[in-house]
Amino acid sequence: KVDVTQEPGLSGRFFVTTLPTIYHANDGV
């Protein structure tokens, strides 16, 4: 999990615009 209030750079990297946002990652995909 990533707290977007503490990690604005990370939410930008994942282009998070709605909450909660969930991603699946498999070896960088």
PDB file of all heavy atoms in Angstrom:
ATOM      1  N   LYS A   1       0.842  -1.193   0.000  1.00  0.00           N
ATOM      2  CA  LYS A   1       0.000   0.000   0.000  1.00  0.00           C
ATOM      3  C   LYS A   1       0.876   1.240   0.000  1.00  0.00           C
ATOM      4  O   LYS A   1       2.016   1.219   0.480  1.00  0.00           O
ATOM      5  CB  LYS A   1      -0.960   0.014   1.185  1.00  0.00           C
ATOM      6  CG  LYS A   1      -0.309   0.152   2.547  1.00  0.00           C
ATOM      7  CD  LYS A   1      -1.370   0.136   3.635  1.00  0.00           C
ATOM      8  CE  LYS A   1      -0.752   0.278   5.015  1.00  0.00           C
ATOM      9  NZ  LYS A   1      -1.766   0.260   6.078  1.00  0.00           N
ATOM     10  N   VAL A   2       0.309   2.305  -0.566  1.00  0.00           N
ATOM     11  CA  VAL A   2       0.994   3.592  -0.645  1.00  0.00           C
ATOM     12  C   VAL A   2       0.024   4.666  -0.147  1.00  0.00           C
ATOM     13  O   VAL A   2      -1.082   4.798  -0.675  1.00  0.00           O
ATOM     14  CB  VAL A   2       1.414   3.923  -2.094  1.00  0.00           C
ATOM     15  CG1 VAL A   2       2.028   5.312  -2.177  1.00  0.00           C
ATOM     16  CG2 VAL A   2       2.363   2.866  -2.640  1.00  0.00           C
ATOM     17  N   ASP A   3       0.454   5.427   0.856  1.00  0.00           N
ATOM     18  CA  ASP A   3      -0.331   6.553   1.367  1.00  0.00           C
ATOM     19  C   ASP A   3      -0.020   7.753   0.469  1.00  0.00           C
ATOM     20  O   ASP A   3       1.081   8.302   0.515  1.00  0.00           O
ATOM     21  CB  ASP A   3       0.061   6.827   2.818  1.00  0.00           C
ATOM     22  CG  ASP A   3      -0.690   7.994   3.439  1.00  0.00           C
ATOM     23  OD1 ASP A   3      -1.341   8.764   2.703  1.00  0.00           O
ATOM     24  OD2 ASP A   3      -0.601   8.138   4.675  1.00  0.00           O
ATOM     25  N   VAL A   4      -0.993   8.158  -0.339  1.00  0.00           N
ATOM     26  CA  VAL A   4      -0.754   9.242  -1.300  1.00  0.00           C
ATOM     27  C   VAL A   4      -0.510  10.586  -0.620  1.00  0.00           C
ATOM     28  O   VAL A   4       0.102  11.477  -1.216  1.00  0.00           O
ATOM     29  CB  VAL A   4      -1.888   9.369  -2.346  1.00  0.00           C
ATOM     30  CG1 VAL A   4      -2.030   8.081  -3.150  1.00  0.00           C
ATOM     31  CG2 VAL A   4      -3.206   9.753  -1.713  1.00  0.00           C
ATOM     32  N   THR A   5      -0.950  10.731   0.630  1.00  0.00           N
ATOM     33  CA  THR A   5      -0.705  11.991   1.337  1.00  0.00           C
ATOM     34  C   THR A   5       0.757  12.109   1.748  1.00  0.00           C
ATOM     35  O   THR A   5       1.272  13.206   1.918  1.00  0.00           O
ATOM     36  CB  THR A   5      -1.599  12.148   2.597  1.00  0.00           C
ATOM     37  OG1 THR A   5      -1.254  11.135   3.557  1.00  0.00           O
ATOM     38  CG2 THR A   5      -3.073  12.038   2.237  1.00  0.00           C
ATOM     39  N   GLN A   6       1.432  10.975   1.893  1.00  0.00           N
ATOM     40  CA  GLN A   6       2.840  10.955   2.259  1.00  0.00           C
ATOM     41  C   GLN A   6       3.760  10.796   1.051  1.00  0.00           C
ATOM     42  O   GLN A   6       4.946  11.096   1.137  1.00  0.00           O
ATOM     43  CB  GLN A   6       3.118   9.796   3.243  1.00  0.00           C
ATOM     44  CG  GLN A   6       2.340   9.889   4.532  1.00  0.00           C
ATOM     45  CD  GLN A   6       2.697  11.126   5.334  1.00  0.00           C
ATOM     46  OE1 GLN A   6       3.856  11.416   5.557  1.00  0.00           O
ATOM     47  NE2 GLN A   6       1.682  11.863   5.744  1.00  0.00           N
ATOM     48  N   GLU A   7       3.216  10.266  -0.043  1.00  0.00           N
ATOM     49  CA  GLU A   7       4.015   9.938  -1.223  1.00  0.00           C
ATOM     50  C   GLU A   7       3.444  10.538  -2.506  1.00  0.00           C
ATOM     51  O   GLU A   7       3.021   9.819  -3.412  1.00  0.00           O
ATOM     52  CB  GLU A   7       4.120   8.410  -1.369  1.00  0.00           C
ATOM     53  CG  GLU A   7       4.809   7.712  -0.216  1.00  0.00           C
ATOM     54  CD  GLU A   7       6.265   8.110  -0.064  1.00  0.00           C
ATOM     55  OE1 GLU A   7       6.910   8.464  -1.076  1.00  0.00           O
ATOM     56  OE2 GLU A   7       6.766   8.065   1.068  1.00  0.00           O
ATOM     57  N   PRO A   8       3.428  11.891  -2.623  1.00  0.00           N
ATOM     58  CA  PRO A   8       2.872  12.492  -3.841  1.00  0.00           C
ATOM     59  C   PRO A   8       3.658  12.099  -5.096  1.00  0.00           C
ATOM     60  O   PRO A   8       3.069  11.937  -6.166  1.00  0.00           O
ATOM     61  CB  PRO A   8       2.957  13.994  -3.570  1.00  0.00           C
ATOM     62  CG  PRO A   8       3.992  14.150  -2.504  1.00  0.00           C
ATOM     63  CD  PRO A   8       3.926  12.897  -1.681  1.00  0.00           C
ATOM     64  N   GLY A   9       4.957  11.933  -4.979  1.00  0.00           N
ATOM     65  CA  GLY A   9       5.761  11.536  -6.134  1.00  0.00           C
ATOM     66  C   GLY A   9       5.375  10.160  -6.652  1.00  0.00           C
ATOM     67  O   GLY A   9       5.289   9.934  -7.859  1.00  0.00           O
ATOM     68  N   LEU A  10       5.118   9.250  -5.726  1.00  0.00           N
ATOM     69  CA  LEU A  10       4.744   7.891  -6.110  1.00  0.00           C
ATOM     70  C   LEU A  10       3.343   7.858  -6.716  1.00  0.00           C
ATOM     71  O   LEU A  10       3.103   7.139  -7.688  1.00  0.00           O
ATOM     72  CB  LEU A  10       4.825   6.982  -4.877  1.00  0.00           C
ATOM     73  CG  LEU A  10       5.138   5.528  -5.102  1.00  0.00           C
ATOM     74  CD1 LEU A  10       6.276   5.310  -6.089  1.00  0.00           C
ATOM     75  CD2 LEU A  10       5.463   4.845  -3.783  1.00  0.00           C
ATOM     76  N   SER A  11       2.432   8.659  -6.181  1.00  0.00           N
ATOM     77  CA  SER A  11       1.093   8.690  -6.776  1.00  0.00           C
ATOM     78  C   SER A  11       1.164   9.302  -8.175  1.00  0.00           C
ATOM     79  O   SER A  11       0.408   8.919  -9.066  1.00  0.00           O
ATOM     80  CB  SER A  11       0.095   9.429  -5.885  1.00  0.00           C
ATOM     81  OG  SER A  11       0.449  10.770  -5.710  1.00  0.00           O
ATOM     82  N   GLY A  12       2.099  10.234  -8.397  1.00  0.00           N
ATOM     83  CA  GLY A  12       2.309  10.792  -9.731  1.00  0.00           C
ATOM     84  C   GLY A  12       2.887   9.779 -10.687  1.00  0.00           C
ATOM     85  O   GLY A  12       2.477   9.688 -11.849  1.00  0.00           O
ATOM     86  N   ARG A  13       3.834   8.998 -10.207  1.00  0.00           N
ATOM     87  CA  ARG A  13       4.467   7.957 -11.037  1.00  0.00           C
ATOM     88  C   ARG A  13       3.426   6.954 -11.539  1.00  0.00           C
ATOM     89  O   ARG A  13       3.504   6.451 -12.646  1.00  0.00           O
ATOM     90  CB  ARG A  13       5.548   7.255 -10.219  1.00  0.00           C
ATOM     91  CG  ARG A  13       6.310   6.208 -10.979  1.00  0.00           C
ATOM     92  CD  ARG A  13       7.391   5.581 -10.111  1.00  0.00           C
ATOM     93  NE  ARG A  13       8.499   6.464  -9.826  1.00  0.00           N
ATOM     94  CZ  ARG A  13       9.532   6.674 -10.646  1.00  0.00           C
ATOM     95  NH1 ARG A  13       9.572   6.073 -11.822  1.00  0.00           N
ATOM     96  NH2 ARG A  13      10.511   7.469 -10.296  1.00  0.00           N
ATOM     97  N   PHE A  14       2.435   6.652 -10.709  1.00  0.00           N
ATOM     98  CA  PHE A  14       1.381   5.706 -11.088  1.00  0.00           C
ATOM     99  C   PHE A  14       0.148   6.420 -11.642  1.00  0.00           C
ATOM    100  O   PHE A  14      -0.848   5.790 -11.938  1.00  0.00           O
ATOM    101  CB  PHE A  14       0.990   4.837  -9.885  1.00  0.00           C
ATOM    102  CG  PHE A  14       1.956   3.724  -9.619  1.00  0.00           C
ATOM    103  CD1 PHE A  14       3.134   3.951  -8.916  1.00  0.00           C
ATOM    104  CD2 PHE A  14       1.706   2.437 -10.075  1.00  0.00           C
ATOM    105  CE1 PHE A  14       4.034   2.929  -8.668  1.00  0.00           C
ATOM    106  CE2 PHE A  14       2.600   1.399  -9.826  1.00  0.00           C
ATOM    107  CZ  PHE A  14       3.764   1.650  -9.124  1.00  0.00           C
ATOM    108  N   PHE A  15       0.231   7.740 -11.747  1.00  0.00           N
ATOM    109  CA  PHE A  15      -0.846   8.581 -12.265  1.00  0.00           C
ATOM    110  C   PHE A  15      -2.176   8.286 -11.563  1.00  0.00           C
ATOM    111  O   PHE A  15      -3.205   8.037 -12.187  1.00  0.00           O
ATOM    112  CB  PHE A  15      -0.976   8.427 -13.787  1.00  0.00           C
ATOM    113  CG  PHE A  15      -1.523   9.664 -14.436  1.00  0.00           C
ATOM    114  CD1 PHE A  15      -0.748  10.807 -14.523  1.00  0.00           C
ATOM    115  CD2 PHE A  15      -2.812   9.701 -14.937  1.00  0.00           C
ATOM    116  CE1 PHE A  15      -1.248  11.961 -15.112  1.00  0.00           C
ATOM    117  CE2 PHE A  15      -3.327  10.847 -15.514  1.00  0.00           C
ATOM    118  CZ  PHE A  15      -2.543  11.980 -15.601  1.00  0.00           C
ATOM    119  N   VAL A  16      -2.136   8.304 -10.233  1.00  0.00           N
ATOM    120  CA  VAL A  16      -3.316   8.033  -9.420  1.00  0.00           C
ATOM    121  C   VAL A  16      -4.194   9.286  -9.375  1.00  0.00           C
ATOM    122  O   VAL A  16      -3.738  10.344  -8.955  1.00  0.00           O
ATOM    123  CB  VAL A  16      -2.908   7.607  -7.990  1.00  0.00           C
ATOM    124  CG1 VAL A  16      -4.116   7.499  -7.079  1.00  0.00           C
ATOM    125  CG2 VAL A  16      -2.141   6.289  -8.036  1.00  0.00           C
ATOM    126  N   THR A  17      -5.429   9.153  -9.830  1.00  0.00           N
ATOM    127  CA  THR A  17      -6.360  10.283  -9.841  1.00  0.00           C
ATOM    128  C   THR A  17      -7.621  10.001  -9.034  1.00  0.00           C
ATOM    129  O   THR A  17      -8.409  10.914  -8.793  1.00  0.00           O
ATOM    130  CB  THR A  17      -6.747  10.662 -11.280  1.00  0.00           C
ATOM    131  OG1 THR A  17      -7.295   9.506 -11.927  1.00  0.00           O
ATOM    132  CG2 THR A  17      -5.540  11.172 -12.060  1.00  0.00           C
ATOM    133  N   THR A  18      -7.859   8.753  -8.657  1.00  0.00           N
ATOM    134  CA  THR A  18      -9.007   8.393  -7.822  1.00  0.00           C
ATOM    135  C   THR A  18      -8.531   7.484  -6.699  1.00  0.00           C
ATOM    136  O   THR A  18      -7.513   6.803  -6.841  1.00  0.00           O
ATOM    137  CB  THR A  18     -10.097   7.655  -8.630  1.00  0.00           C
ATOM    138  OG1 THR A  18      -9.531   6.481  -9.211  1.00  0.00           O
ATOM    139  CG2 THR A  18     -10.681   8.529  -9.722  1.00  0.00           C
ATOM    140  N   LEU A  19      -9.288   7.467  -5.617  1.00  0.00           N
ATOM    141  CA  LEU A  19      -8.926   6.631  -4.464  1.00  0.00           C
ATOM    142  C   LEU A  19     -10.085   5.720  -4.083  1.00  0.00           C
ATOM    143  O   LEU A  19     -11.228   6.141  -4.173  1.00  0.00           O
ATOM    144  CB  LEU A  19      -8.559   7.510  -3.268  1.00  0.00           C
ATOM    145  CG  LEU A  19      -7.317   8.371  -3.441  1.00  0.00           C
ATOM    146  CD1 LEU A  19      -7.151   9.281  -2.231  1.00  0.00           C
ATOM    147  CD2 LEU A  19      -6.070   7.518  -3.641  1.00  0.00           C
ATOM    148  N   PRO A  20      -9.802   4.517  -3.626  1.00  0.00           N
ATOM    149  CA  PRO A  20      -8.495   3.883  -3.746  1.00  0.00           C
ATOM    150  C   PRO A  20      -8.247   3.418  -5.182  1.00  0.00           C
ATOM    151  O   PRO A  20      -9.181   3.141  -5.919  1.00  0.00           O
ATOM    152  CB  PRO A  20      -8.610   2.681  -2.803  1.00  0.00           C
ATOM    153  CG  PRO A  20     -10.076   2.356  -2.773  1.00  0.00           C
ATOM    154  CD  PRO A  20     -10.795   3.657  -2.984  1.00  0.00           C
ATOM    155  N   THR A  21      -6.991   3.360  -5.563  1.00  0.00           N
ATOM    156  CA  THR A  21      -6.581   2.821  -6.855  1.00  0.00           C
ATOM    157  C   THR A  21      -5.748   1.577  -6.578  1.00  0.00           C
ATOM    158  O   THR A  21      -4.873   1.606  -5.720  1.00  0.00           O
ATOM    159  CB  THR A  21      -5.749   3.844  -7.654  1.00  0.00           C
ATOM    160  OG1 THR A  21      -6.574   4.953  -7.978  1.00  0.00           O
ATOM    161  CG2 THR A  21      -5.198   3.238  -8.939  1.00  0.00           C
ATOM    162  N   ILE A  22      -6.053   0.506  -7.287  1.00  0.00           N
ATOM    163  CA  ILE A  22      -5.342  -0.763  -7.085  1.00  0.00           C
ATOM    164  C   ILE A  22      -4.674  -1.178  -8.389  1.00  0.00           C
ATOM    165  O   ILE A  22      -5.284  -1.130  -9.457  1.00  0.00           O
ATOM    166  CB  ILE A  22      -6.303  -1.871  -6.597  1.00  0.00           C
ATOM    167  CG1 ILE A  22      -6.926  -1.458  -5.251  1.00  0.00           C
ATOM    168  CG2 ILE A  22      -5.583  -3.211  -6.482  1.00  0.00           C
ATOM    169  CD1 ILE A  22      -8.012  -2.392  -4.744  1.00  0.00           C
ATOM    170  N   TYR A  23      -3.411  -1.568  -8.260  1.00  0.00           N
ATOM    171  CA  TYR A  23      -2.653  -2.091  -9.396  1.00  0.00           C
ATOM    172  C   TYR A  23      -2.200  -3.506  -9.123  1.00  0.00           C
ATOM    173  O   TYR A  23      -1.900  -3.855  -7.981  1.00  0.00           O
ATOM    174  CB  TYR A  23      -1.397  -1.244  -9.651  1.00  0.00           C
ATOM    175  CG  TYR A  23      -1.628  -0.016 -10.493  1.00  0.00           C
ATOM    176  CD1 TYR A  23      -1.870   1.216  -9.902  1.00  0.00           C
ATOM    177  CD2 TYR A  23      -1.603  -0.089 -11.884  1.00  0.00           C
ATOM    178  CE1 TYR A  23      -2.073   2.353 -10.669  1.00  0.00           C
ATOM    179  CE2 TYR A  23      -1.818   1.041 -12.657  1.00  0.00           C
ATOM    180  CZ  TYR A  23      -2.049   2.251 -12.045  1.00  0.00           C
ATOM    181  OH  TYR A  23      -2.255   3.368 -12.809  1.00  0.00           O
ATOM    182  N   HIS A  24      -2.125  -4.290 -10.192  1.00  0.00           N
ATOM    183  CA  HIS A  24      -1.479  -5.597 -10.158  1.00  0.00           C
ATOM    184  C   HIS A  24      -0.154  -5.410 -10.898  1.00  0.00           C
ATOM    185  O   HIS A  24      -0.108  -4.742 -11.931  1.00  0.00           O
ATOM    186  CB  HIS A  24      -2.336  -6.639 -10.888  1.00  0.00           C
ATOM    187  CG  HIS A  24      -1.650  -7.960 -11.048  1.00  0.00           C
ATOM    188  ND1 HIS A  24      -0.939  -8.277 -12.186  1.00  0.00           N
ATOM    189  CD2 HIS A  24      -1.540  -9.017 -10.219  1.00  0.00           C
ATOM    190  CE1 HIS A  24      -0.437  -9.502 -12.036  1.00  0.00           C
ATOM    191  NE2 HIS A  24      -0.782  -9.967 -10.858  1.00  0.00           N
ATOM    192  N   ALA A  25       0.896  -5.944 -10.355  1.00  0.00           N
ATOM    193  CA  ALA A  25       2.204  -5.888 -11.019  1.00  0.00           C
ATOM    194  C   ALA A  25       2.779  -7.293 -11.067  1.00  0.00           C
ATOM    195  O   ALA A  25       2.717  -8.028 -10.083  1.00  0.00           O
ATOM    196  CB  ALA A  25       3.148  -4.966 -10.255  1.00  0.00           C
ATOM    197  N   ASN A  26       3.302  -7.643 -12.217  1.00  0.00           N
ATOM    198  CA  ASN A  26       3.960  -8.940 -12.368  1.00  0.00           C
ATOM    199  C   ASN A  26       5.259  -8.713 -13.125  1.00  0.00           C
ATOM    200  O   ASN A  26       5.241  -8.440 -14.323  1.00  0.00           O
ATOM    201  CB  ASN A  26       3.048  -9.928 -13.093  1.00  0.00           C
ATOM    202  CG  ASN A  26       3.566 -11.350 -13.012  1.00  0.00           C
ATOM    203  OD1 ASN A  26       4.238 -11.707 -12.052  1.00  0.00           O
ATOM    204  ND2 ASN A  26       3.256 -12.156 -14.003  1.00  0.00           N
ATOM    205  N   ASP A  27       6.370  -8.795 -12.393  1.00  0.00           N
ATOM    206  CA  ASP A  27       7.704  -8.568 -12.960  1.00  0.00           C
ATOM    207  C   ASP A  27       7.767  -7.282 -13.785  1.00  0.00           C
ATOM    208  O   ASP A  27       8.262  -7.262 -14.906  1.00  0.00           O
ATOM    209  CB  ASP A  27       8.160  -9.773 -13.793  1.00  0.00           C
ATOM    210  CG  ASP A  27       8.430 -10.994 -12.914  1.00  0.00           C
ATOM    211  OD1 ASP A  27       8.874 -10.812 -11.761  1.00  0.00           O
ATOM    212  OD2 ASP A  27       8.193 -12.126 -13.379  1.00  0.00           O
ATOM    213  N   GLY A  28       7.250  -6.196 -13.212  1.00  0.00           N
ATOM    214  CA  GLY A  28       7.344  -4.882 -13.839  1.00  0.00           C
ATOM    215  C   GLY A  28       6.287  -4.565 -14.871  1.00  0.00           C
ATOM    216  O   GLY A  28       6.304  -3.492 -15.464  1.00  0.00           O
ATOM    217  N   VAL A  29       5.345  -5.483 -15.096  1.00  0.00           N
ATOM    218  CA  VAL A  29       4.229  -5.214 -16.006  1.00  0.00           C
ATOM    219  C   VAL A  29       3.023  -4.862 -15.140  1.00  0.00           C
ATOM    220  O   VAL A  29       2.606  -5.654 -14.295  1.00  0.00           O
ATOM    221  CB  VAL A  29       3.922  -6.433 -16.912  1.00  0.00           C
ATOM    222  CG1 VAL A  29       2.712  -6.150 -17.792  1.00  0.00           C
ATOM    223  CG2 VAL A  29       5.139  -6.794 -17.752  1.00  0.00           C
TER     224      VAL A  29
END
